[in-house]
Amino acid sequence: MELFIFPFKSMGCPCELRIYAGQKHQAQLAAKACMDEATRFEQKYSRYLDSSAATEINRSAGIKPVEIDAETYAILKYAGVCYEQSNGLFDISSGVLRHVWHAQRGELPSEDEVLRHLNLVGWEKVELSDQNIFLPISGMELDFGGIVKEYAADAIAALARTMSIRHGLVNLGGDISIIGPQVNNRPWPIGIVHPTIADTAISVIHLANGALATSGGYERYVEIAGKRYSHLINPQTGWPVESLLSVSVVAEQAVVAGSVSSIALLQGEQLGLNWLSTIGLKYLAIDADLHCNGAVGRDSFSSGSPSAHE
């Protein structure tokens, strides 16, 4: 069998498929189906597209309920579980706070400005059934970005398996779902990007199955008066979180790994580390001093050059 690599771009991120197949034609057919599926998710859930389901939901806020299909309901139900499990820190209605914290911002927002936007935040306000969803206040918004990319990675890996691909991985901008191990059951080495040194891996995680997601606040930020503020916003205060530099989590599904890593970051450094130590999943958390913390086993984590980058 031969390894075929297909780079592509989706959801605003560099992505990649790594597929072992006996024939190039088989790999190309599977890759096209997988990339089409990534495009479908982007077109359906991107808030930047006027025709997306996400835009329709947000555009109808305070006006009318919007009909949803089973897939959208499943994603929203999971978002609700994350909201409950995080005590309200993981809230996909908090994307409206990006209007407060953005790259063009020249000064800190006023308390009134933050409060005005916080009044539009709160998953508990959302009215959801398996048939429709309603955002009851005009100006409310849902942002699927914190959950749908990981959900898509899992769906694409499952699709590849239905096309008789047994060895491969899906990498959607660092959210990785394993289709199956490399040939001879070798695990995939997956590099964890160093938070402060470009094009360098701070560690490598070896996975033969399951999924890995990494979240970090170091790549995207707002700089005001010489100080950097993370893009990670606490939906209860409306202010950026000072937290761990990055958190990588291994789980059976990428959607779980991604939500766990995000929840850990939103809690701040020490509370996030404490919480990670209780969840029963393998993780690698990098703190502000570049110390690596986590349930690090030699069978899963090692130093070296990555095969698939975040």
C-alpha atoms as a PDB file:
ATOM      1  CA  MET A   1       0.000   0.000   0.000  1.00  0.00           C
ATOM      2  CA  GLU A   2       1.122   3.536  -0.719  1.00  0.00           C
ATOM      3  CA  LEU A   3       0.657   6.715   1.317  1.00  0.00           C
ATOM      4  CA  PHE A   4      -1.139   9.522  -0.526  1.00  0.00           C
ATOM      5  CA  ILE A   5      -1.233  13.049   0.910  1.00  0.00           C
ATOM      6  CA  PHE A   6      -3.909  15.551  -0.120  1.00  0.00           C
ATOM      7  CA  PRO A   7      -3.511  19.130   1.174  1.00  0.00           C
ATOM      8  CA  PHE A   8      -6.504  21.443   0.876  1.00  0.00           C
ATOM      9  CA  LYS A   9      -8.090  24.435   2.573  1.00  0.00           C
ATOM     10  CA  SER A  10     -11.412  24.475   4.381  1.00  0.00           C
ATOM     11  CA  MET A  11     -13.074  26.511   7.131  1.00  0.00           C
ATOM     12  CA  GLY A  12     -10.333  29.108   6.824  1.00  0.00           C
ATOM     13  CA  CYS A  13      -7.618  26.592   7.754  1.00  0.00           C
ATOM     14  CA  PRO A  14      -4.942  24.561   6.001  1.00  0.00           C
ATOM     15  CA  CYS A  15      -6.139  20.946   6.017  1.00  0.00           C
ATOM     16  CA  GLU A  16      -4.749  17.598   4.987  1.00  0.00           C
ATOM     17  CA  LEU A  17      -5.776  14.012   4.302  1.00  0.00           C
ATOM     18  CA  ARG A  18      -3.282  11.186   4.649  1.00  0.00           C
ATOM     19  CA  ILE A  19      -4.571   7.999   3.091  1.00  0.00           C
ATOM     20  CA  TYR A  20      -3.011   4.602   2.456  1.00  0.00           C
ATOM     21  CA  ALA A  21      -4.454   2.846  -0.587  1.00  0.00           C
ATOM     22  CA  GLY A  22      -3.523   0.096  -2.998  1.00  0.00           C
ATOM     23  CA  GLN A  23      -4.201   2.286  -6.014  1.00  0.00           C
ATOM     24  CA  LYS A  24      -3.936   6.014  -6.623  1.00  0.00           C
ATOM     25  CA  HIS A  25      -7.421   6.087  -8.126  1.00  0.00           C
ATOM     26  CA  GLN A  26      -8.930   4.651  -4.931  1.00  0.00           C
ATOM     27  CA  ALA A  27      -7.148   7.291  -2.837  1.00  0.00           C
ATOM     28  CA  GLN A  28      -8.279  10.092  -5.162  1.00  0.00           C
ATOM     29  CA  LEU A  29     -11.921   8.991  -5.038  1.00  0.00           C
ATOM     30  CA  ALA A  30     -11.870   8.842  -1.233  1.00  0.00           C
ATOM     31  CA  ALA A  31     -10.055  12.166  -0.955  1.00  0.00           C
ATOM     32  CA  LYS A  32     -12.549  13.917  -3.224  1.00  0.00           C
ATOM     33  CA  ALA A  33     -15.476  12.614  -1.167  1.00  0.00           C
ATOM     34  CA  CYS A  34     -13.779  13.709   2.063  1.00  0.00           C
ATOM     35  CA  MET A  35     -12.920  17.174   0.764  1.00  0.00           C
ATOM     36  CA  ASP A  36     -16.458  17.591  -0.559  1.00  0.00           C
ATOM     37  CA  GLU A  37     -17.737  16.734   2.903  1.00  0.00           C
ATOM     38  CA  ALA A  38     -15.479  19.382   4.452  1.00  0.00           C
ATOM     39  CA  THR A  39     -16.863  21.909   1.958  1.00  0.00           C
ATOM     40  CA  ARG A  40     -20.413  20.889   2.851  1.00  0.00           C
ATOM     41  CA  PHE A  41     -19.809  21.563   6.534  1.00  0.00           C
ATOM     42  CA  GLU A  42     -18.248  24.933   5.772  1.00  0.00           C
ATOM     43  CA  GLN A  43     -21.097  26.003   3.513  1.00  0.00           C
ATOM     44  CA  LYS A  44     -23.662  24.886   6.052  1.00  0.00           C
ATOM     45  CA  TYR A  45     -22.231  26.317   9.265  1.00  0.00           C
ATOM     46  CA  SER A  46     -19.948  29.246   8.391  1.00  0.00           C
ATOM     47  CA  ARG A  47     -21.205  32.549   9.775  1.00  0.00           C
ATOM     48  CA  TYR A  48     -19.365  34.290   6.917  1.00  0.00           C
ATOM     49  CA  LEU A  49     -21.649  32.853   4.222  1.00  0.00           C
ATOM     50  CA  ASP A  50     -25.050  34.456   3.634  1.00  0.00           C
ATOM     51  CA  SER A  51     -26.537  31.154   2.494  1.00  0.00           C
ATOM     52  CA  SER A  52     -25.471  29.071   5.520  1.00  0.00           C
ATOM     53  CA  ALA A  53     -27.781  27.629   8.144  1.00  0.00           C
ATOM     54  CA  ALA A  54     -25.782  29.500  10.792  1.00  0.00           C
ATOM     55  CA  THR A  55     -26.431  32.833   9.082  1.00  0.00           C
ATOM     56  CA  GLU A  56     -30.130  32.074   8.744  1.00  0.00           C
ATOM     57  CA  ILE A  57     -30.379  31.282  12.465  1.00  0.00           C
ATOM     58  CA  ASN A  58     -28.588  34.500  13.411  1.00  0.00           C
ATOM     59  CA  ARG A  59     -30.498  36.619  10.915  1.00  0.00           C
ATOM     60  CA  SER A  60     -33.790  35.387  12.398  1.00  0.00           C
ATOM     61  CA  ALA A  61     -32.866  36.299  15.995  1.00  0.00           C
ATOM     62  CA  GLY A  62     -35.768  38.030  17.703  1.00  0.00           C
ATOM     63  CA  ILE A  63     -37.964  37.443  14.645  1.00  0.00           C
ATOM     64  CA  LYS A  64     -38.847  33.783  14.140  1.00  0.00           C
ATOM     65  CA  PRO A  65     -37.757  30.193  14.804  1.00  0.00           C
ATOM     66  CA  VAL A  66     -35.676  28.463  12.130  1.00  0.00           C
ATOM     67  CA  GLU A  67     -36.222  24.869  11.058  1.00  0.00           C
ATOM     68  CA  ILE A  68     -33.205  22.601  11.549  1.00  0.00           C
ATOM     69  CA  ASP A  69     -32.272  19.102  10.396  1.00  0.00           C
ATOM     70  CA  ALA A  70     -31.109  16.161  12.511  1.00  0.00           C
ATOM     71  CA  GLU A  71     -27.419  16.932  12.013  1.00  0.00           C
ATOM     72  CA  THR A  72     -27.770  20.535  13.178  1.00  0.00           C
ATOM     73  CA  TYR A  73     -29.854  19.426  16.143  1.00  0.00           C
ATOM     74  CA  ALA A  74     -27.180  16.908  17.161  1.00  0.00           C
ATOM     75  CA  ILE A  75     -24.472  19.596  17.028  1.00  0.00           C
ATOM     76  CA  LEU A  76     -26.597  22.043  19.023  1.00  0.00           C
ATOM     77  CA  LYS A  77     -27.493  19.403  21.604  1.00  0.00           C
ATOM     78  CA  TYR A  78     -23.805  18.687  22.096  1.00  0.00           C
ATOM     79  CA  ALA A  79     -23.148  22.416  22.449  1.00  0.00           C
ATOM     80  CA  GLY A  80     -25.744  22.420  25.221  1.00  0.00           C
ATOM     81  CA  VAL A  81     -23.982  19.555  26.983  1.00  0.00           C
ATOM     82  CA  CYS A  82     -20.696  21.482  26.791  1.00  0.00           C
ATOM     83  CA  TYR A  83     -22.404  24.534  28.254  1.00  0.00           C
ATOM     84  CA  GLU A  84     -23.669  22.507  31.212  1.00  0.00           C
ATOM     85  CA  GLN A  85     -20.431  20.612  31.794  1.00  0.00           C
ATOM     86  CA  SER A  86     -18.401  23.833  31.741  1.00  0.00           C
ATOM     87  CA  ASN A  87     -20.753  25.743  34.066  1.00  0.00           C
ATOM     88  CA  GLY A  88     -21.502  28.159  31.267  1.00  0.00           C
ATOM     89  CA  LEU A  89     -17.946  28.822  30.073  1.00  0.00           C
ATOM     90  CA  PHE A  90     -18.353  26.980  26.757  1.00  0.00           C
ATOM     91  CA  ASP A  91     -21.149  28.977  25.153  1.00  0.00           C
ATOM     92  CA  ILE A  92     -21.606  29.116  21.382  1.00  0.00           C
ATOM     93  CA  SER A  93     -23.809  32.185  21.781  1.00  0.00           C
ATOM     94  CA  SER A  94     -20.790  34.187  22.958  1.00  0.00           C
ATOM     95  CA  GLY A  95     -19.441  34.806  19.451  1.00  0.00           C
ATOM     96  CA  VAL A  96     -21.156  38.204  19.520  1.00  0.00           C
ATOM     97  CA  LEU A  97     -18.338  39.325  21.825  1.00  0.00           C
ATOM     98  CA  ARG A  98     -16.043  39.427  18.783  1.00  0.00           C
ATOM     99  CA  HIS A  99     -17.689  42.786  18.040  1.00  0.00           C
ATOM    100  CA  VAL A 100     -16.065  44.043  21.250  1.00  0.00           C
ATOM    101  CA  TRP A 101     -12.666  42.375  20.894  1.00  0.00           C
ATOM    102  CA  HIS A 102     -11.322  42.722  17.358  1.00  0.00           C
ATOM    103  CA  ALA A 103      -8.013  43.520  15.659  1.00  0.00           C
ATOM    104  CA  GLN A 104      -9.009  47.092  14.794  1.00  0.00           C
ATOM    105  CA  ARG A 105      -9.662  47.957  18.421  1.00  0.00           C
ATOM    106  CA  GLY A 106      -7.472  50.865  19.555  1.00  0.00           C
ATOM    107  CA  GLU A 107      -8.511  51.128  23.196  1.00  0.00           C
ATOM    108  CA  LEU A 108     -10.080  48.994  25.873  1.00  0.00           C
ATOM    109  CA  PRO A 109     -13.878  48.719  25.709  1.00  0.00           C
ATOM    110  CA  SER A 110     -16.010  50.528  28.259  1.00  0.00           C
ATOM    111  CA  GLU A 111     -17.942  48.633  30.894  1.00  0.00           C
ATOM    112  CA  ASP A 112     -21.192  49.682  29.203  1.00  0.00           C
ATOM    113  CA  GLU A 113     -20.065  48.344  25.829  1.00  0.00           C
ATOM    114  CA  VAL A 114     -19.137  44.968  27.303  1.00  0.00           C
ATOM    115  CA  LEU A 115     -22.416  44.792  29.226  1.00  0.00           C
ATOM    116  CA  ARG A 116     -24.500  45.599  26.135  1.00  0.00           C
ATOM    117  CA  HIS A 117     -22.991  42.647  24.337  1.00  0.00           C
ATOM    118  CA  LEU A 118     -23.170  40.359  27.375  1.00  0.00           C
ATOM    119  CA  ASN A 119     -26.941  40.899  27.371  1.00  0.00           C
ATOM    120  CA  LEU A 120     -26.965  39.075  24.025  1.00  0.00           C
ATOM    121  CA  VAL A 121     -25.035  36.087  25.379  1.00  0.00           C
ATOM    122  CA  GLY A 122     -26.434  33.030  27.133  1.00  0.00           C
ATOM    123  CA  TRP A 123     -27.177  29.525  25.891  1.00  0.00           C
ATOM    124  CA  GLU A 124     -29.917  29.294  28.523  1.00  0.00           C
ATOM    125  CA  LYS A 125     -31.855  31.908  26.509  1.00  0.00           C
ATOM    126  CA  VAL A 126     -31.893  29.766  23.359  1.00  0.00           C
ATOM    127  CA  GLU A 127     -35.095  27.890  22.551  1.00  0.00           C
ATOM    128  CA  LEU A 128     -34.198  24.561  20.948  1.00  0.00           C
ATOM    129  CA  SER A 129     -36.204  21.543  19.830  1.00  0.00           C
ATOM    130  CA  ASP A 130     -35.462  18.745  17.382  1.00  0.00           C
ATOM    131  CA  GLN A 131     -37.462  20.699  14.791  1.00  0.00           C
ATOM    132  CA  ASN A 132     -36.301  24.307  15.173  1.00  0.00           C
ATOM    133  CA  ILE A 133     -34.225  26.846  17.052  1.00  0.00           C
ATOM    134  CA  PHE A 134     -35.064  30.383  18.110  1.00  0.00           C
ATOM    135  CA  LEU A 135     -32.768  33.118  19.386  1.00  0.00           C
ATOM    136  CA  PRO A 136     -35.267  35.280  21.294  1.00  0.00           C
ATOM    137  CA  ILE A 137     -33.311  38.563  21.347  1.00  0.00           C
ATOM    138  CA  SER A 138     -32.506  40.564  18.247  1.00  0.00           C
ATOM    139  CA  GLY A 139     -28.727  40.698  17.846  1.00  0.00           C
ATOM    140  CA  MET A 140     -28.039  37.287  19.372  1.00  0.00           C
ATOM    141  CA  GLU A 141     -25.677  35.082  17.376  1.00  0.00           C
ATOM    142  CA  LEU A 142     -24.507  31.493  17.403  1.00  0.00           C
ATOM    143  CA  ASP A 143     -20.954  30.714  16.367  1.00  0.00           C
ATOM    144  CA  PHE A 144     -20.497  27.093  15.320  1.00  0.00           C
ATOM    145  CA  GLY A 145     -16.758  27.613  14.885  1.00  0.00           C
ATOM    146  CA  GLY A 146     -15.822  26.232  18.277  1.00  0.00           C
ATOM    147  CA  ILE A 147     -17.419  22.870  17.623  1.00  0.00           C
ATOM    148  CA  VAL A 148     -18.210  22.139  13.980  1.00  0.00           C
ATOM    149  CA  LYS A 149     -14.644  21.710  12.679  1.00  0.00           C
ATOM    150  CA  GLU A 150     -14.011  18.912  15.148  1.00  0.00           C
ATOM    151  CA  TYR A 151     -17.416  17.391  14.413  1.00  0.00           C
ATOM    152  CA  ALA A 152     -16.575  17.494  10.703  1.00  0.00           C
ATOM    153  CA  ALA A 153     -13.215  15.761  11.254  1.00  0.00           C
ATOM    154  CA  ASP A 154     -14.997  12.835  12.894  1.00  0.00           C
ATOM    155  CA  ALA A 155     -17.618  12.699  10.134  1.00  0.00           C
ATOM    156  CA  ILE A 156     -14.969  12.747   7.399  1.00  0.00           C
ATOM    157  CA  ALA A 157     -12.969   9.944   9.044  1.00  0.00           C
ATOM    158  CA  ALA A 158     -16.153   7.863   9.251  1.00  0.00           C
ATOM    159  CA  LEU A 159     -16.888   8.580   5.568  1.00  0.00           C
ATOM    160  CA  ALA A 160     -13.402   7.418   4.560  1.00  0.00           C
ATOM    161  CA  ARG A 161     -13.951   4.118   6.360  1.00  0.00           C
ATOM    162  CA  THR A 162     -17.159   3.528   4.377  1.00  0.00           C
ATOM    163  CA  MET A 163     -14.996   3.842   1.239  1.00  0.00           C
ATOM    164  CA  SER A 164     -12.737   1.001   2.404  1.00  0.00           C
ATOM    165  CA  ILE A 165      -9.944   3.260   3.667  1.00  0.00           C
ATOM    166  CA  ARG A 166      -8.496   1.527   6.713  1.00  0.00           C
ATOM    167  CA  HIS A 167      -5.287   3.503   7.238  1.00  0.00           C
ATOM    168  CA  GLY A 168      -5.225   7.287   7.328  1.00  0.00           C
ATOM    169  CA  LEU A 169      -5.988  10.489   9.168  1.00  0.00           C
ATOM    170  CA  VAL A 170      -8.002  13.670   8.737  1.00  0.00           C
ATOM    171  CA  ASN A 171      -6.390  16.954   9.775  1.00  0.00           C
ATOM    172  CA  LEU A 172      -8.682  19.993   9.742  1.00  0.00           C
ATOM    173  CA  GLY A 173      -6.485  22.851  10.893  1.00  0.00           C
ATOM    174  CA  GLY A 174      -5.016  20.856  13.770  1.00  0.00           C
ATOM    175  CA  ASP A 175      -8.195  18.980  14.706  1.00  0.00           C
ATOM    176  CA  ILE A 176      -7.275  15.406  13.886  1.00  0.00           C
ATOM    177  CA  SER A 177      -9.387  12.283  13.600  1.00  0.00           C
ATOM    178  CA  ILE A 178      -7.681   8.973  12.909  1.00  0.00           C
ATOM    179  CA  ILE A 179      -9.209   6.819  10.169  1.00  0.00           C
ATOM    180  CA  GLY A 180      -6.914   3.967  11.139  1.00  0.00           C
ATOM    181  CA  PRO A 181      -3.236   3.371  11.981  1.00  0.00           C
ATOM    182  CA  GLN A 182      -0.465   3.434   9.433  1.00  0.00           C
ATOM    183  CA  VAL A 183       0.314   0.180   7.667  1.00  0.00           C
ATOM    184  CA  ASN A 184       1.731  -2.513   9.987  1.00  0.00           C
ATOM    185  CA  ASN A 185      -0.412  -0.891  12.723  1.00  0.00           C
ATOM    186  CA  ARG A 186       2.142   1.854  13.317  1.00  0.00           C
ATOM    187  CA  PRO A 187       0.749   4.943  15.084  1.00  0.00           C
ATOM    188  CA  TRP A 188       0.736   8.352  13.456  1.00  0.00           C
ATOM    189  CA  PRO A 189       3.199  10.890  14.912  1.00  0.00           C
ATOM    190  CA  ILE A 190       1.351  14.194  15.357  1.00  0.00           C
ATOM    191  CA  GLY A 191       3.307  17.316  16.151  1.00  0.00           C
ATOM    192  CA  ILE A 192       2.140  19.829  18.742  1.00  0.00           C
ATOM    193  CA  VAL A 193       3.154  23.274  17.565  1.00  0.00           C
ATOM    194  CA  HIS A 194       5.476  25.214  19.868  1.00  0.00           C
ATOM    195  CA  PRO A 195       3.591  28.276  21.184  1.00  0.00           C
ATOM    196  CA  THR A 196       6.507  30.678  20.740  1.00  0.00           C
ATOM    197  CA  ILE A 197       8.847  29.176  18.116  1.00  0.00           C
ATOM    198  CA  ALA A 198       7.478  29.089  14.575  1.00  0.00           C
ATOM    199  CA  ASP A 199       7.567  25.865  12.555  1.00  0.00           C
ATOM    200  CA  THR A 200       8.707  23.870  15.577  1.00  0.00           C
ATOM    201  CA  ALA A 201       7.035  21.066  17.500  1.00  0.00           C
ATOM    202  CA  ILE A 202       7.221  21.186  21.279  1.00  0.00           C
ATOM    203  CA  SER A 203       6.154  17.539  21.472  1.00  0.00           C
ATOM    204  CA  VAL A 204       4.862  14.683  19.340  1.00  0.00           C
ATOM    205  CA  ILE A 205       1.854  12.553  20.192  1.00  0.00           C
ATOM    206  CA  HIS A 206       1.579   9.087  18.653  1.00  0.00           C
ATOM    207  CA  LEU A 207      -1.935   7.895  17.852  1.00  0.00           C
ATOM    208  CA  ALA A 208      -3.168   4.711  16.179  1.00  0.00           C
ATOM    209  CA  ASN A 209      -6.845   5.520  16.713  1.00  0.00           C
ATOM    210  CA  GLY A 210      -9.125   8.110  18.242  1.00  0.00           C
ATOM    211  CA  ALA A 211      -8.619  11.827  17.836  1.00  0.00           C
ATOM    212  CA  LEU A 212      -6.584  14.808  18.964  1.00  0.00           C
ATOM    213  CA  ALA A 213      -7.482  18.487  19.198  1.00  0.00           C
ATOM    214  CA  THR A 214      -5.344  21.418  20.286  1.00  0.00           C
ATOM    215  CA  SER A 215      -6.632  24.798  21.466  1.00  0.00           C
ATOM    216  CA  GLY A 216      -4.470  27.800  22.199  1.00  0.00           C
ATOM    217  CA  GLY A 217      -4.739  31.491  22.829  1.00  0.00           C
ATOM    218  CA  TYR A 218      -1.296  32.433  21.543  1.00  0.00           C
ATOM    219  CA  GLU A 219      -1.933  32.646  17.786  1.00  0.00           C
ATOM    220  CA  ARG A 220      -4.919  35.009  17.731  1.00  0.00           C
ATOM    221  CA  TYR A 221      -4.996  38.060  19.939  1.00  0.00           C
ATOM    222  CA  VAL A 222      -5.868  41.747  20.146  1.00  0.00           C
ATOM    223  CA  GLU A 223      -3.073  44.153  21.049  1.00  0.00           C
ATOM    224  CA  ILE A 224      -4.098  47.309  22.918  1.00  0.00           C
ATOM    225  CA  ALA A 225      -1.611  49.781  24.376  1.00  0.00           C
ATOM    226  CA  GLY A 226       1.202  47.268  23.989  1.00  0.00           C
ATOM    227  CA  LYS A 227      -0.613  44.451  25.795  1.00  0.00           C
ATOM    228  CA  ARG A 228      -1.879  41.312  24.091  1.00  0.00           C
ATOM    229  CA  TYR A 229      -5.377  40.084  24.889  1.00  0.00           C
ATOM    230  CA  SER A 230      -6.311  36.533  23.931  1.00  0.00           C
ATOM    231  CA  HIS A 231      -9.150  35.783  21.504  1.00  0.00           C
ATOM    232  CA  LEU A 232     -10.506  33.456  24.211  1.00  0.00           C
ATOM    233  CA  ILE A 233     -13.303  35.421  25.875  1.00  0.00           C
ATOM    234  CA  ASN A 234     -15.025  34.491  29.124  1.00  0.00           C
ATOM    235  CA  PRO A 235     -18.756  34.600  28.199  1.00  0.00           C
ATOM    236  CA  GLN A 236     -19.673  35.473  31.778  1.00  0.00           C
ATOM    237  CA  THR A 237     -17.433  38.530  32.117  1.00  0.00           C
ATOM    238  CA  GLY A 238     -16.960  39.543  28.482  1.00  0.00           C
ATOM    239  CA  TRP A 239     -13.204  39.846  28.994  1.00  0.00           C
ATOM    240  CA  PRO A 240     -10.302  37.825  27.564  1.00  0.00           C
ATOM    241  CA  VAL A 241      -8.986  34.942  29.644  1.00  0.00           C
ATOM    242  CA  GLU A 242      -5.389  34.750  30.865  1.00  0.00           C
ATOM    243  CA  SER A 243      -4.733  31.063  30.632  1.00  0.00           C
ATOM    244  CA  LEU A 244      -2.537  28.222  29.462  1.00  0.00           C
ATOM    245  CA  LEU A 245      -0.744  28.772  26.171  1.00  0.00           C
ATOM    246  CA  SER A 246      -2.212  25.612  24.669  1.00  0.00           C
ATOM    247  CA  VAL A 247      -4.022  22.410  25.568  1.00  0.00           C
ATOM    248  CA  SER A 248      -3.980  19.212  23.500  1.00  0.00           C
ATOM    249  CA  VAL A 249      -6.435  16.447  24.362  1.00  0.00           C
ATOM    250  CA  VAL A 250      -6.726  12.857  23.147  1.00  0.00           C
ATOM    251  CA  ALA A 251     -10.212  11.340  23.016  1.00  0.00           C
ATOM    252  CA  GLU A 252     -12.193   8.848  20.976  1.00  0.00           C
ATOM    253  CA  GLN A 253     -13.776  11.703  19.019  1.00  0.00           C
ATOM    254  CA  ALA A 254     -12.306  14.999  17.856  1.00  0.00           C
ATOM    255  CA  VAL A 255     -15.452  16.863  18.886  1.00  0.00           C
ATOM    256  CA  VAL A 256     -14.907  15.723  22.489  1.00  0.00           C
ATOM    257  CA  ALA A 257     -11.180  16.467  22.429  1.00  0.00           C
ATOM    258  CA  GLY A 258     -11.838  19.949  21.059  1.00  0.00           C
ATOM    259  CA  SER A 259     -14.494  20.909  23.571  1.00  0.00           C
ATOM    260  CA  VAL A 260     -12.427  19.599  26.488  1.00  0.00           C
ATOM    261  CA  SER A 261      -9.360  21.577  25.397  1.00  0.00           C
ATOM    262  CA  SER A 262     -11.442  24.742  24.976  1.00  0.00           C
ATOM    263  CA  ILE A 263     -13.147  24.368  28.355  1.00  0.00           C
ATOM    264  CA  ALA A 264      -9.762  23.916  30.047  1.00  0.00           C
ATOM    265  CA  LEU A 265      -8.439  27.141  28.499  1.00  0.00           C
ATOM    266  CA  LEU A 266     -11.541  29.133  29.439  1.00  0.00           C
ATOM    267  CA  GLN A 267     -11.066  28.282  33.112  1.00  0.00           C
ATOM    268  CA  GLY A 268      -7.707  30.013  33.377  1.00  0.00           C
ATOM    269  CA  GLU A 269      -4.352  28.404  34.020  1.00  0.00           C
ATOM    270  CA  GLN A 270      -4.570  26.780  37.455  1.00  0.00           C
ATOM    271  CA  LEU A 271      -8.255  25.892  37.414  1.00  0.00           C
ATOM    272  CA  GLY A 272      -7.816  24.525  33.894  1.00  0.00           C
ATOM    273  CA  LEU A 273      -4.934  22.294  34.990  1.00  0.00           C
ATOM    274  CA  ASN A 274      -6.880  21.103  38.015  1.00  0.00           C
ATOM    275  CA  TRP A 275      -9.891  20.259  35.852  1.00  0.00           C
ATOM    276  CA  LEU A 276      -7.829  18.428  33.230  1.00  0.00           C
ATOM    277  CA  SER A 277      -6.376  16.183  35.926  1.00  0.00           C
ATOM    278  CA  THR A 278      -9.881  14.957  36.813  1.00  0.00           C
ATOM    279  CA  ILE A 279     -11.398  14.172  33.399  1.00  0.00           C
ATOM    280  CA  GLY A 280      -9.711  10.857  32.649  1.00  0.00           C
ATOM    281  CA  LEU A 281      -8.332  11.815  29.231  1.00  0.00           C
ATOM    282  CA  LYS A 282      -4.708  12.105  28.146  1.00  0.00           C
ATOM    283  CA  TYR A 283      -3.643  15.695  27.629  1.00  0.00           C
ATOM    284  CA  LEU A 284      -0.675  17.990  27.171  1.00  0.00           C
ATOM    285  CA  ALA A 285      -1.059  21.478  28.630  1.00  0.00           C
ATOM    286  CA  ILE A 286       1.615  24.131  28.102  1.00  0.00           C
ATOM    287  CA  ASP A 287       1.665  26.920  30.668  1.00  0.00           C
ATOM    288  CA  ALA A 288       2.949  30.491  30.399  1.00  0.00           C
ATOM    289  CA  ASP A 289       6.447  29.356  31.404  1.00  0.00           C
ATOM    290  CA  LEU A 290       6.456  26.754  28.600  1.00  0.00           C
ATOM    291  CA  HIS A 291       6.253  23.902  31.091  1.00  0.00           C
ATOM    292  CA  CYS A 292       4.489  20.811  29.757  1.00  0.00           C
ATOM    293  CA  ASN A 293       1.862  19.429  32.090  1.00  0.00           C
ATOM    294  CA  GLY A 294      -0.262  16.345  31.662  1.00  0.00           C
ATOM    295  CA  ALA A 295      -0.826  12.637  31.740  1.00  0.00           C
ATOM    296  CA  VAL A 296       2.191  12.033  29.565  1.00  0.00           C
ATOM    297  CA  GLY A 297       2.991   8.402  28.846  1.00  0.00           C
ATOM    298  CA  ARG A 298       5.906   7.228  26.728  1.00  0.00           C
ATOM    299  CA  ASP A 299       3.512   5.241  24.555  1.00  0.00           C
ATOM    300  CA  SER A 300       1.595   8.390  23.613  1.00  0.00           C
ATOM    301  CA  PHE A 301       3.946  11.371  23.941  1.00  0.00           C
ATOM    302  CA  SER A 302       7.538  11.878  22.896  1.00  0.00           C
ATOM    303  CA  SER A 303       9.822  14.538  21.522  1.00  0.00           C
ATOM    304  CA  GLY A 304      10.730  14.654  17.852  1.00  0.00           C
ATOM    305  CA  SER A 305       9.717  15.966  14.460  1.00  0.00           C
ATOM    306  CA  PRO A 306       5.986  15.937  13.672  1.00  0.00           C
ATOM    307  CA  SER A 307       4.387  14.106  10.781  1.00  0.00           C
ATOM    308  CA  ALA A 308       1.174  16.129  10.932  1.00  0.00           C
ATOM    309  CA  HIS A 309       1.203  19.687  12.224  1.00  0.00           C
ATOM    310  CA  GLU A 310      -1.443  21.530  14.171  1.00  0.00           C
END
